[in-house]
Amino acid sequence: MFTTTSSTRVTKASRDAAAGYATRADFCEVFIDSIDRLYTLALLLTADRDRAEHCFLSAFEHCARSTTVFREWAESWAKRTTVMTAILIVFRSQTPTNAQVRAEKNEGAVSRLEPLFTRVLNLAPFDRFVYVMSVLERMPDRECALLLDCAVRDVVDAKARAVILGSDHQHQNFPTREKGIAACPR
């Protein structure tokens, strides 16, 4: 009969580490080292401090439970998970009433920020996501479209609108598409 002693018992975390997968400790390190960057990403996407904090913490919890990510990909996975969590928070739970309350609540805080940061936060949600993901985070248009559940053309159009609005020009005659997440209130 084979018996297992505590010294020969292999934990799941040690098996994952031995196999080259990121462990909870690896993700703790990534989130600590990148706290400013990941929180800023969450804030830019959600345009709300409370939602950004919820997004950041939810992304960390999701990553800490993840066992299929290679250690070398942990930082990239943390960024992607933060984006996916923000998408769920903003587009799956937004109602016009809540959006208006958040806009009024953030009005004073937004006005004290850097001009570009303020312009990004004031973009329509879909355009803001596209701008942050595509321009600031340099994600390919196809990846943005996949994550946002829309056509690549929707991403290109939103990026053009966001860049023009971000540079203080008038928003005129840009077509909008009502597919995927783009159909959510703007």
C-alpha atoms as a PDB file:
ATOM      1  CA  MET A   1       0.000   0.000   0.000  1.00  0.00           C
ATOM      2  CA  PHE A   2       1.329   3.417  -1.007  1.00  0.00           C
ATOM      3  CA  THR A   3       1.050   6.256   1.498  1.00  0.00           C
ATOM      4  CA  THR A   4       1.673   9.910   0.871  1.00  0.00           C
ATOM      5  CA  THR A   5       3.550  11.932   3.426  1.00  0.00           C
ATOM      6  CA  SER A   6       3.431  15.692   3.658  1.00  0.00           C
ATOM      7  CA  SER A   7       6.978  15.905   2.316  1.00  0.00           C
ATOM      8  CA  THR A   8       6.099  14.032  -0.878  1.00  0.00           C
ATOM      9  CA  ARG A   9       2.726  15.696  -1.425  1.00  0.00           C
ATOM     10  CA  VAL A  10       2.887  17.996  -4.422  1.00  0.00           C
ATOM     11  CA  THR A  11       0.631  21.016  -4.355  1.00  0.00           C
ATOM     12  CA  LYS A  12      -1.185  22.288  -7.392  1.00  0.00           C
ATOM     13  CA  ALA A  13       0.774  25.575  -7.212  1.00  0.00           C
ATOM     14  CA  SER A  14       4.119  23.784  -7.212  1.00  0.00           C
ATOM     15  CA  ARG A  15       3.021  21.568 -10.136  1.00  0.00           C
ATOM     16  CA  ASP A  16       1.973  24.669 -12.090  1.00  0.00           C
ATOM     17  CA  ALA A  17       5.247  26.424 -11.292  1.00  0.00           C
ATOM     18  CA  ALA A  18       7.238  23.371 -12.329  1.00  0.00           C
ATOM     19  CA  ALA A  19       5.317  23.195 -15.610  1.00  0.00           C
ATOM     20  CA  GLY A  20       6.087  26.843 -16.355  1.00  0.00           C
ATOM     21  CA  TYR A  21       2.587  28.154 -15.666  1.00  0.00           C
ATOM     22  CA  ALA A  22       2.013  31.397 -13.822  1.00  0.00           C
ATOM     23  CA  THR A  23       1.027  30.926 -10.203  1.00  0.00           C
ATOM     24  CA  ARG A  24      -0.957  33.164  -7.879  1.00  0.00           C
ATOM     25  CA  ALA A  25       2.369  34.513  -6.577  1.00  0.00           C
ATOM     26  CA  ASP A  26       3.447  35.354 -10.145  1.00  0.00           C
ATOM     27  CA  PHE A  27       0.227  37.304 -10.709  1.00  0.00           C
ATOM     28  CA  CYS A  28       0.598  39.049  -7.346  1.00  0.00           C
ATOM     29  CA  GLU A  29       4.023  40.198  -8.507  1.00  0.00           C
ATOM     30  CA  VAL A  30       2.692  41.339 -11.902  1.00  0.00           C
ATOM     31  CA  PHE A  31      -0.182  43.300 -10.371  1.00  0.00           C
ATOM     32  CA  ILE A  32       2.085  44.889  -7.741  1.00  0.00           C
ATOM     33  CA  ASP A  33       4.753  45.820 -10.297  1.00  0.00           C
ATOM     34  CA  SER A  34       2.159  47.135 -12.780  1.00  0.00           C
ATOM     35  CA  ILE A  35      -0.417  48.580 -10.386  1.00  0.00           C
ATOM     36  CA  ASP A  36      -0.275  52.106 -11.811  1.00  0.00           C
ATOM     37  CA  ARG A  37      -0.413  50.939 -15.412  1.00  0.00           C
ATOM     38  CA  LEU A  38      -3.224  48.393 -14.904  1.00  0.00           C
ATOM     39  CA  TYR A  39      -5.314  50.695 -12.711  1.00  0.00           C
ATOM     40  CA  THR A  40      -4.896  53.548 -15.208  1.00  0.00           C
ATOM     41  CA  LEU A  41      -5.975  51.190 -17.983  1.00  0.00           C
ATOM     42  CA  ALA A  42      -9.054  50.232 -15.943  1.00  0.00           C
ATOM     43  CA  LEU A  43      -9.817  53.908 -15.220  1.00  0.00           C
ATOM     44  CA  LEU A  44      -9.465  54.945 -18.861  1.00  0.00           C
ATOM     45  CA  LEU A  45     -11.779  52.139 -19.957  1.00  0.00           C
ATOM     46  CA  THR A  46     -14.444  52.487 -17.269  1.00  0.00           C
ATOM     47  CA  ALA A  47     -14.234  56.296 -16.856  1.00  0.00           C
ATOM     48  CA  ASP A  48     -15.194  55.854 -13.204  1.00  0.00           C
ATOM     49  CA  ARG A  49     -12.932  55.458 -10.163  1.00  0.00           C
ATOM     50  CA  ASP A  50     -15.186  52.969  -8.338  1.00  0.00           C
ATOM     51  CA  ARG A  51     -15.654  50.845 -11.442  1.00  0.00           C
ATOM     52  CA  ALA A  52     -11.919  51.028 -12.188  1.00  0.00           C
ATOM     53  CA  GLU A  53     -11.121  49.703  -8.728  1.00  0.00           C
ATOM     54  CA  HIS A  54     -13.698  46.933  -9.140  1.00  0.00           C
ATOM     55  CA  CYS A  55     -12.259  46.131 -12.584  1.00  0.00           C
ATOM     56  CA  PHE A  56      -8.678  46.029 -11.291  1.00  0.00           C
ATOM     57  CA  LEU A  57      -9.543  43.750  -8.351  1.00  0.00           C
ATOM     58  CA  SER A  58     -11.751  41.470 -10.453  1.00  0.00           C
ATOM     59  CA  ALA A  59      -9.022  41.133 -13.074  1.00  0.00           C
ATOM     60  CA  PHE A  60      -6.520  40.211 -10.363  1.00  0.00           C
ATOM     61  CA  GLU A  61      -8.878  37.608  -8.878  1.00  0.00           C
ATOM     62  CA  HIS A  62      -9.478  36.099 -12.312  1.00  0.00           C
ATOM     63  CA  CYS A  63      -5.755  35.971 -13.075  1.00  0.00           C
ATOM     64  CA  ALA A  64      -4.916  34.493  -9.668  1.00  0.00           C
ATOM     65  CA  ARG A  65      -7.340  31.618 -10.361  1.00  0.00           C
ATOM     66  CA  SER A  66      -5.954  31.071 -13.866  1.00  0.00           C
ATOM     67  CA  THR A  67      -3.750  28.018 -14.341  1.00  0.00           C
ATOM     68  CA  THR A  68      -3.354  27.790 -18.093  1.00  0.00           C
ATOM     69  CA  VAL A  69      -1.160  30.822 -18.683  1.00  0.00           C
ATOM     70  CA  PHE A  70       2.573  30.492 -19.122  1.00  0.00           C
ATOM     71  CA  ARG A  71       4.646  32.515 -16.681  1.00  0.00           C
ATOM     72  CA  GLU A  72       6.149  34.546 -19.546  1.00  0.00           C
ATOM     73  CA  TRP A  73       2.647  35.619 -20.588  1.00  0.00           C
ATOM     74  CA  ALA A  74       1.471  36.704 -17.125  1.00  0.00           C
ATOM     75  CA  GLU A  75       1.851  40.439 -17.730  1.00  0.00           C
ATOM     76  CA  SER A  76       0.123  40.298 -21.105  1.00  0.00           C
ATOM     77  CA  TRP A  77      -2.626  38.125 -19.619  1.00  0.00           C
ATOM     78  CA  ALA A  78      -3.134  40.640 -16.784  1.00  0.00           C
ATOM     79  CA  LYS A  79      -3.602  43.465 -19.318  1.00  0.00           C
ATOM     80  CA  ARG A  80      -5.980  41.426 -21.472  1.00  0.00           C
ATOM     81  CA  THR A  81      -7.980  40.323 -18.439  1.00  0.00           C
ATOM     82  CA  THR A  82      -8.258  43.939 -17.278  1.00  0.00           C
ATOM     83  CA  VAL A  83      -9.623  44.912 -20.709  1.00  0.00           C
ATOM     84  CA  MET A  84     -12.078  41.988 -20.789  1.00  0.00           C
ATOM     85  CA  THR A  85     -13.266  42.762 -17.252  1.00  0.00           C
ATOM     86  CA  ALA A  86     -13.802  46.425 -18.156  1.00  0.00           C
ATOM     87  CA  ILE A  87     -15.831  45.388 -21.202  1.00  0.00           C
ATOM     88  CA  LEU A  88     -18.092  43.291 -18.985  1.00  0.00           C
ATOM     89  CA  ILE A  89     -18.454  46.042 -16.397  1.00  0.00           C
ATOM     90  CA  VAL A  90     -19.180  48.864 -18.832  1.00  0.00           C
ATOM     91  CA  PHE A  91     -21.177  47.223 -21.601  1.00  0.00           C
ATOM     92  CA  ARG A  92     -22.994  44.480 -19.735  1.00  0.00           C
ATOM     93  CA  SER A  93     -24.246  46.551 -16.795  1.00  0.00           C
ATOM     94  CA  GLN A  94     -24.685  50.057 -18.152  1.00  0.00           C
ATOM     95  CA  THR A  95     -28.081  51.700 -18.051  1.00  0.00           C
ATOM     96  CA  PRO A  96     -28.719  55.303 -19.108  1.00  0.00           C
ATOM     97  CA  THR A  97     -29.545  56.289 -15.520  1.00  0.00           C
ATOM     98  CA  ASN A  98     -26.313  54.816 -14.160  1.00  0.00           C
ATOM     99  CA  ALA A  99     -24.274  56.392 -16.970  1.00  0.00           C
ATOM    100  CA  GLN A 100     -25.733  59.832 -16.202  1.00  0.00           C
ATOM    101  CA  VAL A 101     -25.053  59.458 -12.461  1.00  0.00           C
ATOM    102  CA  ARG A 102     -21.439  58.431 -13.167  1.00  0.00           C
ATOM    103  CA  ALA A 103     -20.934  61.367 -15.552  1.00  0.00           C
ATOM    104  CA  GLU A 104     -22.207  63.837 -12.959  1.00  0.00           C
ATOM    105  CA  LYS A 105     -20.169  62.190 -10.186  1.00  0.00           C
ATOM    106  CA  ASN A 106     -16.936  62.289 -12.206  1.00  0.00           C
ATOM    107  CA  GLU A 107     -17.406  65.763 -13.672  1.00  0.00           C
ATOM    108  CA  GLY A 108     -15.360  67.524 -10.974  1.00  0.00           C
ATOM    109  CA  ALA A 109     -12.667  64.857 -10.813  1.00  0.00           C
ATOM    110  CA  VAL A 110     -12.253  64.718 -14.596  1.00  0.00           C
ATOM    111  CA  SER A 111     -11.791  68.463 -14.933  1.00  0.00           C
ATOM    112  CA  ARG A 112      -8.659  68.335 -12.736  1.00  0.00           C
ATOM    113  CA  LEU A 113      -6.911  65.748 -14.921  1.00  0.00           C
ATOM    114  CA  GLU A 114      -4.546  66.258 -17.804  1.00  0.00           C
ATOM    115  CA  PRO A 115      -6.333  67.476 -20.961  1.00  0.00           C
ATOM    116  CA  LEU A 116      -5.733  64.298 -22.996  1.00  0.00           C
ATOM    117  CA  PHE A 117      -6.811  62.082 -20.118  1.00  0.00           C
ATOM    118  CA  THR A 118      -9.949  64.204 -19.733  1.00  0.00           C
ATOM    119  CA  ARG A 119     -10.752  63.977 -23.453  1.00  0.00           C
ATOM    120  CA  VAL A 120     -10.341  60.193 -23.388  1.00  0.00           C
ATOM    121  CA  LEU A 121     -12.664  59.843 -20.387  1.00  0.00           C
ATOM    122  CA  ASN A 122     -15.256  62.019 -22.117  1.00  0.00           C
ATOM    123  CA  LEU A 123     -15.406  59.880 -25.265  1.00  0.00           C
ATOM    124  CA  ALA A 124     -18.441  57.678 -25.869  1.00  0.00           C
ATOM    125  CA  PRO A 125     -17.813  54.265 -24.221  1.00  0.00           C
ATOM    126  CA  PHE A 126     -17.253  52.306 -27.446  1.00  0.00           C
ATOM    127  CA  ASP A 127     -14.965  54.985 -28.918  1.00  0.00           C
ATOM    128  CA  ARG A 128     -13.083  55.219 -25.599  1.00  0.00           C
ATOM    129  CA  PHE A 129     -12.485  51.466 -25.535  1.00  0.00           C
ATOM    130  CA  VAL A 130     -11.263  51.459 -29.114  1.00  0.00           C
ATOM    131  CA  TYR A 131      -8.982  54.457 -28.520  1.00  0.00           C
ATOM    132  CA  VAL A 132      -7.451  53.039 -25.342  1.00  0.00           C
ATOM    133  CA  MET A 133      -7.054  49.513 -26.706  1.00  0.00           C
ATOM    134  CA  SER A 134      -5.962  50.396 -30.228  1.00  0.00           C
ATOM    135  CA  VAL A 135      -4.041  53.645 -29.857  1.00  0.00           C
ATOM    136  CA  LEU A 136      -2.756  53.692 -26.279  1.00  0.00           C
ATOM    137  CA  GLU A 137      -2.275  49.933 -25.758  1.00  0.00           C
ATOM    138  CA  ARG A 138      -1.383  49.265 -29.418  1.00  0.00           C
ATOM    139  CA  MET A 139      -3.657  46.257 -29.799  1.00  0.00           C
ATOM    140  CA  PRO A 140      -4.266  45.261 -33.416  1.00  0.00           C
ATOM    141  CA  ASP A 141      -7.655  46.284 -34.837  1.00  0.00           C
ATOM    142  CA  ARG A 142      -8.627  42.636 -35.292  1.00  0.00           C
ATOM    143  CA  GLU A 143      -7.966  41.850 -31.631  1.00  0.00           C
ATOM    144  CA  CYS A 144      -9.988  44.914 -30.577  1.00  0.00           C
ATOM    145  CA  ALA A 145     -12.855  43.790 -32.806  1.00  0.00           C
ATOM    146  CA  LEU A 146     -12.717  40.287 -31.366  1.00  0.00           C
ATOM    147  CA  LEU A 147     -12.782  41.508 -27.762  1.00  0.00           C
ATOM    148  CA  LEU A 148     -15.497  44.095 -28.468  1.00  0.00           C
ATOM    149  CA  ASP A 149     -17.590  41.662 -30.525  1.00  0.00           C
ATOM    150  CA  CYS A 150     -17.806  43.888 -33.594  1.00  0.00           C
ATOM    151  CA  ALA A 151     -16.441  44.195 -37.112  1.00  0.00           C
ATOM    152  CA  VAL A 152     -12.944  45.522 -37.770  1.00  0.00           C
ATOM    153  CA  ARG A 153     -14.578  48.360 -39.722  1.00  0.00           C
ATOM    154  CA  ASP A 154     -16.408  49.411 -36.533  1.00  0.00           C
ATOM    155  CA  VAL A 155     -13.047  49.631 -34.760  1.00  0.00           C
ATOM    156  CA  VAL A 156     -11.507  51.669 -37.574  1.00  0.00           C
ATOM    157  CA  ASP A 157     -14.469  54.082 -37.619  1.00  0.00           C
ATOM    158  CA  ALA A 158     -14.431  54.478 -33.820  1.00  0.00           C
ATOM    159  CA  LYS A 159     -10.681  55.035 -33.829  1.00  0.00           C
ATOM    160  CA  ALA A 160     -11.063  57.804 -36.409  1.00  0.00           C
ATOM    161  CA  ARG A 161     -13.830  59.455 -34.362  1.00  0.00           C
ATOM    162  CA  ALA A 162     -11.798  59.192 -31.156  1.00  0.00           C
ATOM    163  CA  VAL A 163      -8.615  60.560 -32.697  1.00  0.00           C
ATOM    164  CA  ILE A 164     -10.473  63.529 -34.166  1.00  0.00           C
ATOM    165  CA  LEU A 165     -12.336  64.225 -30.918  1.00  0.00           C
ATOM    166  CA  GLY A 166      -9.135  63.737 -28.960  1.00  0.00           C
ATOM    167  CA  SER A 167      -7.443  66.406 -31.038  1.00  0.00           C
ATOM    168  CA  ASP A 168     -10.221  68.953 -30.336  1.00  0.00           C
ATOM    169  CA  HIS A 169     -11.742  68.858 -33.832  1.00  0.00           C
ATOM    170  CA  GLN A 170     -15.452  68.722 -34.540  1.00  0.00           C
ATOM    171  CA  HIS A 171     -17.106  65.320 -34.855  1.00  0.00           C
ATOM    172  CA  GLN A 172     -18.904  65.373 -38.196  1.00  0.00           C
ATOM    173  CA  ASN A 173     -20.351  62.830 -40.576  1.00  0.00           C
ATOM    174  CA  PHE A 174     -18.696  59.704 -39.240  1.00  0.00           C
ATOM    175  CA  PRO A 175     -20.778  56.604 -39.848  1.00  0.00           C
ATOM    176  CA  THR A 176     -21.687  54.565 -36.795  1.00  0.00           C
ATOM    177  CA  ARG A 177     -22.462  50.901 -36.878  1.00  0.00           C
ATOM    178  CA  GLU A 178     -24.948  49.268 -34.543  1.00  0.00           C
ATOM    179  CA  LYS A 179     -23.480  45.784 -34.178  1.00  0.00           C
ATOM    180  CA  GLY A 180     -22.003  43.996 -31.207  1.00  0.00           C
ATOM    181  CA  ILE A 181     -21.058  46.197 -28.304  1.00  0.00           C
ATOM    182  CA  ALA A 182     -21.280  49.234 -30.558  1.00  0.00           C
ATOM    183  CA  ALA A 183     -25.069  48.986 -30.148  1.00  0.00           C
ATOM    184  CA  CYS A 184     -24.765  49.851 -26.437  1.00  0.00           C
ATOM    185  CA  PRO A 185     -25.688  53.377 -25.327  1.00  0.00           C
ATOM    186  CA  ARG A 186     -22.968  55.871 -26.117  1.00  0.00           C
END
